[in-house]
C-alpha cells in the first residue's frame, strides 16, 4: 500500500491555487492540429534531437535512435517508484518509450534503451494508453525517454485531449534534447523533469557517447524553465507545473555535481527544485570486457559512497537550491 507522506504547509510561492493542464488552452483556441502538422514536418528531415540525423522518418527510415515513423512503447503502468510529489497515492502514469538517443554505458534500462522491447504505437494507441492510466486514477502522464519522439508525443497528446485527457504531462528526459523540439511542446507539457548527468565534455564523451551533452543539456533546461518556471504544487502536495531537475550521483564526480548545482542556481535561480538520486549501480557495459579482453569503465564500477552522496547534497545546499529530500 503506497501513500503520500504529508508535506509541510506549501510555501505560498510554490502553491497553485487553481490548475488545469496547459494543453487545454491550446485545445480551446483550436491550435492543436496546427501544432501536430508542425511537429510531423520535423520528421521529414529529422533533427528532433541533437544527433541531427537528417533522415526522413515519415518514410520509416530509422536514425541513430532506431525509431522511424512511430514511437516504440515498452510498457505502460502506474509507477510508484517516482518522486513522492509525482507518484502520490495512485501512482504516476508512466509510458516507457523504447530506444534512446544516448549510449550511456551504465544504463539501468539498457534492455529498453539499447534493444527493441515493445512495439510501435500509433498516436491513437498512445492516446488510449494515456486515457487508460487516467481511468486508473494516476496523477499524471509520465513520458520516459521522449527526446527522440517529440513529434509523435505532440500527435498523441492532440489525439487524447478531445477524448477527455485532463492530467498534467510530465516530460521525463535525459536532458539531451533539441530546443526546437522543446518549443513544439510549449503549452503541452506541465512538468519538465530532466536528469542533468555530467558537466564536462570528457565525461559525456566517455560515458554517454555524446561529447556535446553538457551544452545541449544547459540549452534544454534553460528552455524548459522559460516555459514552465519553478516547480509548483497543489494543496495535496502533488506537483502540478514547473521544472524538477534530477541528478544521479556518480562515483568520483563530486566536482561535476557541484558545477551543475551552481549553474542551476545562477542561471535559473535558487528556487529551482532538485532531486539528488542515490540509486546508481554498475550496469550494462560497466566492468564488461572489451574486444581486447580488458574490463571497461572501472572508474564507475562501484556505487557512490556516503561521502560522495553527502558532497552532492552539501553542494546543492551551498547553491541554495530546494532539495526534494528536504521537503518531504
Protein backbone atom coordinates (compact mmCIF):
# COMPACT_ATOMS: atom_id res chain seq x y z
CA UNK A 1 0.00 0.00 0.00
CA UNK A 2 1.51 3.29 -1.09
CA UNK A 3 0.66 6.63 0.42
CA UNK A 4 1.91 10.16 0.04
CA UNK A 5 3.82 11.39 3.05
CA UNK A 6 2.22 14.53 4.39
CA UNK A 7 4.18 17.55 3.17
CA UNK A 8 4.67 20.68 5.23
CA UNK A 9 2.37 23.59 4.53
CA UNK A 10 3.18 24.67 0.95
CA UNK A 11 5.26 27.77 0.61
CA UNK A 12 2.91 30.36 -0.97
CA UNK A 13 5.48 30.97 -3.71
CA UNK A 14 5.09 27.39 -4.93
CA UNK A 15 1.37 26.88 -4.42
CA UNK A 16 -1.01 26.84 -7.37
CA UNK A 17 -4.48 27.92 -6.28
CA UNK A 18 -6.10 26.71 -9.49
CA UNK A 19 -4.76 24.29 -12.05
CA UNK A 20 -5.68 22.92 -15.41
CA UNK A 21 -3.31 21.18 -17.82
CA UNK A 22 -1.54 23.58 -20.15
CA UNK A 23 -2.79 21.84 -23.31
CA UNK A 24 -6.43 22.79 -22.64
CA UNK A 25 -5.74 26.39 -23.61
CA UNK A 26 -4.35 25.31 -27.00
CA UNK A 27 -7.31 22.98 -27.41
CA UNK A 28 -9.86 25.71 -26.75
CA UNK A 29 -8.02 28.01 -29.16
CA UNK A 30 -8.15 25.34 -31.88
CA UNK A 31 -4.37 25.23 -32.19
CA UNK A 32 -3.60 21.56 -31.55
CA UNK A 33 -4.00 20.42 -35.14
CA UNK A 34 -1.59 23.06 -36.43
CA UNK A 35 0.94 22.02 -33.78
CA UNK A 36 0.69 18.40 -34.96
CA UNK A 37 1.36 19.40 -38.58
CA UNK A 38 4.35 21.45 -37.46
CA UNK A 39 5.69 18.56 -35.38
CA UNK A 40 5.33 15.90 -38.06
CA UNK A 41 7.05 18.14 -40.60
CA UNK A 42 10.13 17.90 -38.36
CA UNK A 43 10.32 14.17 -39.12
CA UNK A 44 10.90 14.74 -42.84
CA UNK A 45 14.49 15.83 -42.21
CA UNK A 46 14.91 14.68 -38.67
CA UNK A 47 16.58 16.98 -36.16
CA UNK A 48 14.21 16.00 -33.37
CA UNK A 49 17.19 15.60 -31.03
CA UNK A 50 20.78 16.91 -31.01
CA UNK A 51 22.01 13.98 -33.11
CA UNK A 52 20.63 15.78 -36.20
CA UNK A 53 20.44 12.62 -38.32
CA UNK A 54 18.63 14.33 -41.25
CA UNK A 55 16.68 11.23 -42.32
CA UNK A 56 13.05 11.14 -43.43
CA UNK A 57 11.34 9.29 -40.64
CA UNK A 58 7.96 9.72 -42.29
CA UNK A 59 9.23 7.10 -44.75
CA UNK A 60 10.08 4.93 -41.74
CA UNK A 61 13.81 5.44 -42.06
CA UNK A 62 15.38 4.87 -38.64
CA UNK A 63 18.18 7.18 -37.49
CA UNK A 64 20.60 6.59 -34.60
CA UNK A 65 17.65 6.19 -32.20
CA UNK A 66 16.35 3.22 -34.28
CA UNK A 67 12.87 4.78 -34.34
CA UNK A 68 11.03 5.53 -37.56
CA UNK A 69 7.58 6.98 -38.13
CA UNK A 70 6.02 5.59 -34.95
CA UNK A 71 7.22 5.62 -31.36
CA UNK A 72 8.05 2.30 -29.72
CA UNK A 73 6.34 1.80 -26.36
CA UNK A 74 7.91 -0.70 -23.98
CA UNK A 75 5.44 -0.57 -21.10
CA UNK A 76 2.51 1.37 -19.65
CA UNK A 77 1.69 1.23 -15.94
CA UNK A 78 1.08 3.23 -12.73
CA UNK A 79 4.60 3.78 -11.36
CA UNK A 80 5.14 4.01 -7.60
CA UNK A 81 8.91 4.45 -7.76
CA UNK A 82 8.95 8.10 -8.80
CA UNK A 83 9.24 11.15 -6.54
CA UNK A 84 6.50 11.38 -3.92
CA UNK A 85 5.15 14.57 -5.49
CA UNK A 86 4.57 12.63 -8.72
CA UNK A 87 3.58 9.15 -7.57
CA UNK A 88 1.17 10.29 -4.86
CA UNK A 89 -1.16 7.52 -3.70
CA UNK A 90 -2.33 6.22 -7.10
CA UNK A 91 0.95 6.27 -8.99
CA UNK A 92 2.46 8.23 -11.84
CA UNK A 93 1.00 7.12 -15.16
CA UNK A 94 4.21 6.02 -16.83
CA UNK A 95 4.73 5.34 -20.53
CA UNK A 96 8.21 3.93 -21.14
CA UNK A 97 9.26 4.80 -24.68
CA UNK A 98 11.65 2.43 -26.42
CA UNK A 99 15.16 3.27 -27.62
CA UNK A 100 17.22 6.34 -26.77
CA UNK A 101 19.46 8.97 -28.36
CA UNK A 102 22.23 8.42 -25.79
CA UNK A 103 24.51 5.44 -25.33
CA UNK A 104 25.03 5.52 -21.57
CA UNK A 105 27.48 2.75 -20.71
CA UNK A 106 25.88 2.45 -17.25
CA UNK A 107 22.22 2.41 -18.35
CA UNK A 108 19.98 0.59 -15.88
CA UNK A 109 17.28 0.21 -18.53
CA UNK A 110 19.59 -0.87 -21.34
CA UNK A 111 17.22 -3.65 -22.42
CA UNK A 112 14.70 -0.90 -23.29
CA UNK A 113 17.04 1.87 -24.42
CA UNK A 114 19.53 -0.16 -26.46
CA UNK A 115 17.41 -3.11 -27.55
CA UNK A 116 13.95 -3.30 -29.05
CA UNK A 117 11.48 -4.07 -26.26
CA UNK A 118 7.85 -3.41 -27.04
CA UNK A 119 6.17 -2.44 -30.29
CA UNK A 120 5.29 0.56 -32.39
CA UNK A 121 2.25 2.53 -31.24
CA UNK A 122 0.22 4.88 -33.36
CA UNK A 123 -0.81 8.25 -31.94
CA UNK A 124 -4.26 6.88 -31.17
CA UNK A 125 -2.79 3.91 -29.32
CA UNK A 126 -0.61 6.17 -27.17
CA UNK A 127 -3.71 8.28 -26.53
CA UNK A 128 -5.54 5.09 -25.49
CA UNK A 129 -2.73 4.40 -23.01
CA UNK A 130 -2.92 7.91 -21.55
CA UNK A 131 -6.67 7.64 -21.06
CA UNK A 132 -6.37 4.16 -19.52
CA UNK A 133 -3.84 5.49 -16.98
CA UNK A 134 -6.16 8.38 -16.21
CA UNK A 135 -9.03 5.93 -15.66
CA UNK A 136 -6.87 4.05 -13.13
CA UNK A 137 -6.54 7.22 -11.06
CA UNK A 138 -2.93 8.11 -11.91
CA UNK A 139 -1.98 11.67 -11.05
CA UNK A 140 -0.12 12.50 -14.27
CA UNK A 141 1.11 11.11 -17.58
CA UNK A 142 4.84 10.45 -17.26
CA UNK A 143 6.65 10.12 -20.61
CA UNK A 144 10.01 8.40 -20.06
CA UNK A 145 12.85 8.81 -22.60
CA UNK A 146 10.88 11.02 -25.01
CA UNK A 147 13.74 13.03 -26.54
CA UNK A 148 13.72 11.26 -29.92
CA UNK A 149 9.94 11.03 -30.35
CA UNK A 150 8.71 14.54 -29.57
CA UNK A 151 6.68 14.82 -32.82
CA UNK A 152 4.90 11.56 -32.03
CA UNK A 153 4.19 12.79 -28.49
CA UNK A 154 2.65 16.00 -29.80
CA UNK A 155 0.48 13.91 -32.12
CA UNK A 156 -0.62 11.61 -29.27
CA UNK A 157 -1.49 14.42 -26.86
CA UNK A 158 -3.56 16.10 -29.55
CA UNK A 159 -5.42 12.82 -30.08
CA UNK A 160 -6.07 12.30 -26.35
CA UNK A 161 -7.27 15.77 -25.34
CA UNK A 162 -10.57 15.78 -27.31
CA UNK A 163 -11.29 12.36 -25.79
CA UNK A 164 -11.06 13.71 -22.25
CA UNK A 165 -7.43 13.71 -21.14
CA UNK A 166 -7.10 16.08 -18.17
CA UNK A 167 -3.88 15.03 -16.40
CA UNK A 168 -0.62 17.01 -16.26
CA UNK A 169 2.03 15.84 -18.72
CA UNK A 170 5.46 15.02 -17.27
CA UNK A 171 8.40 15.08 -19.71
CA UNK A 172 10.95 12.72 -18.10
CA UNK A 173 14.22 13.16 -20.00
CA UNK A 174 17.99 12.70 -20.02
CA UNK A 175 18.20 16.40 -20.98
CA UNK A 176 19.80 15.56 -24.35
CA UNK A 177 17.02 17.47 -26.07
CA UNK A 178 16.81 19.78 -29.07
CA UNK A 179 15.49 23.23 -28.23
CA UNK A 180 13.39 23.27 -31.40
CA UNK A 181 11.63 20.09 -30.22
CA UNK A 182 11.02 21.54 -26.79
CA UNK A 183 9.39 24.56 -28.40
CA UNK A 184 6.92 22.19 -30.08
CA UNK A 185 5.94 21.11 -26.56
CA UNK A 186 5.32 24.61 -25.22
CA UNK A 187 1.78 24.74 -23.90
CA UNK A 188 1.53 20.93 -23.90
CA UNK A 189 3.92 19.87 -21.11
CA UNK A 190 3.27 20.88 -17.50
CA UNK A 191 6.27 19.36 -15.72
CA UNK A 192 9.74 19.02 -17.19
CA UNK A 193 11.97 16.53 -15.35
CA UNK A 194 15.47 16.42 -16.88
CA UNK A 195 18.34 14.42 -15.41
CA UNK A 196 21.42 16.65 -15.75
CA UNK A 197 24.09 13.95 -15.71
CA UNK A 198 27.52 15.44 -16.47
CA UNK A 199 29.15 18.86 -16.58
CA UNK A 200 32.30 18.09 -18.60
CA UNK A 201 32.59 17.09 -22.23
CA UNK A 202 35.15 14.45 -21.28
CA UNK A 203 32.75 12.58 -19.01
CA UNK A 204 29.92 12.93 -21.53
CA UNK A 205 32.04 11.64 -24.41
CA UNK A 206 33.24 8.65 -22.46
CA UNK A 207 30.12 7.66 -20.53
CA UNK A 208 27.11 8.69 -22.66
CA UNK A 209 28.85 8.87 -26.08
CA UNK A 210 27.79 12.46 -26.73
CA UNK A 211 30.54 14.99 -26.10
CA UNK A 212 28.13 17.91 -26.62
CA UNK A 213 25.78 16.64 -23.89
CA UNK A 214 26.64 19.35 -21.31
CA UNK A 215 25.99 22.22 -23.75
CA UNK A 216 22.78 20.70 -25.08
CA UNK A 217 21.55 19.95 -21.55
CA UNK A 218 22.11 23.54 -20.46
CA UNK A 219 20.28 24.87 -23.52
CA UNK A 220 17.41 22.44 -22.99
CA UNK A 221 16.98 23.09 -19.26
CA UNK A 222 17.08 26.84 -19.85
CA UNK A 223 14.25 26.46 -22.39
CA UNK A 224 12.24 24.17 -20.10
CA UNK A 225 12.46 26.72 -17.29
CA UNK A 226 11.40 29.51 -19.65
CA UNK A 227 8.24 27.57 -20.48
CA UNK A 228 7.10 26.38 -17.06
CA UNK A 229 9.13 28.18 -14.35
CA UNK A 230 9.73 26.86 -10.86
CA UNK A 231 8.05 23.70 -9.62
CA UNK A 232 4.64 24.38 -8.12
CA UNK A 233 2.29 22.19 -6.10
CA UNK A 234 -1.33 21.73 -5.24
CA UNK A 235 -2.52 21.74 -1.65
CA UNK A 236 -2.34 17.94 -1.71
CA UNK A 237 1.44 18.13 -2.15
CA UNK A 238 1.41 16.85 -5.74
CA UNK A 239 3.47 18.68 -8.35
CA UNK A 240 1.34 20.43 -10.94
CA UNK A 241 3.67 22.52 -13.10
CA UNK A 242 7.29 23.55 -13.39
CA UNK A 243 10.83 22.26 -13.57
CA UNK A 244 12.27 19.48 -11.41
CA UNK A 245 15.93 18.68 -12.10
CA UNK A 246 17.28 15.25 -11.24
CA UNK A 247 20.94 14.45 -10.72
CA UNK A 248 22.16 10.87 -10.49
CA UNK A 249 25.18 10.83 -8.19
CA UNK A 250 28.07 9.01 -9.89
CA UNK A 251 31.25 7.74 -8.25
CA UNK A 252 34.11 10.23 -8.47
CA UNK A 253 32.02 13.03 -9.97
CA UNK A 254 31.58 15.34 -6.97
CA UNK A 255 33.05 18.37 -8.77
CA UNK A 256 30.70 17.92 -11.70
CA UNK A 257 27.69 17.73 -9.39
CA UNK A 258 28.75 20.96 -7.68
CA UNK A 259 29.20 22.69 -11.05
CA UNK A 260 25.71 21.61 -12.14
CA UNK A 261 24.09 22.91 -8.96
CA UNK A 262 25.98 26.20 -9.10
CA UNK A 263 24.84 26.68 -12.70
CA UNK A 264 21.21 25.92 -11.85
CA UNK A 265 21.24 28.47 -9.04
CA UNK A 266 22.98 31.20 -11.04
CA UNK A 267 21.16 30.62 -14.34
CA UNK A 268 17.65 29.70 -13.19
CA UNK A 269 17.56 30.89 -9.59
CA UNK A 270 17.80 29.35 -6.16
CA UNK A 271 14.07 28.45 -6.20
CA UNK A 272 14.90 25.56 -8.54
CA UNK A 273 13.99 22.14 -7.17
CA UNK A 274 16.46 19.25 -7.46
CA UNK A 275 16.25 15.57 -6.65
CA UNK A 276 19.65 14.10 -5.78
CA UNK A 277 19.39 10.41 -6.63
CA UNK A 278 21.48 7.73 -4.96
CA UNK A 279 20.45 4.63 -6.90
CA UNK A 280 23.41 4.38 -9.29
CA UNK A 281 24.87 0.90 -9.56
CA UNK A 282 27.21 -0.64 -12.15
CA UNK A 283 25.17 -1.96 -15.07
CA UNK A 284 25.31 -2.73 -18.78
CA UNK A 285 28.87 -2.20 -20.10
CA UNK A 286 30.49 -1.18 -16.82
CA UNK A 287 33.04 -3.85 -15.94
CA UNK A 288 32.34 -5.83 -19.11
CA UNK A 289 35.22 -6.97 -21.28
CA UNK A 290 36.12 -5.02 -24.41
CA UNK A 291 37.08 -6.71 -27.67
CA UNK A 292 40.67 -6.76 -26.44
CA UNK A 293 39.56 -8.53 -23.28
CA UNK A 294 40.13 -5.59 -20.92
CA UNK A 295 37.40 -4.69 -18.45
CA UNK A 296 35.85 -1.31 -19.19
CA UNK A 297 34.83 1.80 -17.23
CA UNK A 298 36.37 0.61 -14.00
CA UNK A 299 36.26 4.14 -12.54
CA UNK A 300 32.49 3.81 -12.15
CA UNK A 301 32.38 0.12 -11.25
CA UNK A 302 31.01 0.76 -7.79
CA UNK A 303 28.13 2.52 -6.11
CA UNK A 304 28.67 6.07 -4.84
CA UNK A 305 29.77 6.08 -1.24
CA UNK A 306 28.27 8.08 1.62
CA UNK A 307 30.92 10.78 1.35
CA UNK A 308 30.06 11.36 -2.31
CA UNK A 309 26.36 11.48 -1.56
CA UNK A 310 26.90 13.95 1.27
CA UNK A 311 29.12 16.02 -1.01
CA UNK A 312 26.37 16.30 -3.64
CA UNK A 313 23.74 17.25 -1.07
CA UNK A 314 26.04 19.81 0.50
CA UNK A 315 26.80 21.32 -2.91
CA UNK A 316 23.08 21.77 -3.59
CA UNK A 317 22.63 23.34 -0.16
CA UNK A 318 25.51 25.77 -0.74
CA UNK A 319 23.93 26.77 -4.05
CA UNK A 320 20.70 27.49 -2.16
CA UNK A 321 18.57 25.07 -4.19
CA UNK A 322 15.43 23.34 -2.92
CA UNK A 323 16.01 19.63 -2.38
CA UNK A 324 13.07 17.25 -2.54
CA UNK A 325 14.55 15.05 0.17
CA UNK A 326 14.46 18.07 2.48
CA UNK A 327 10.88 18.99 1.60
CA UNK A 328 9.29 15.59 2.21
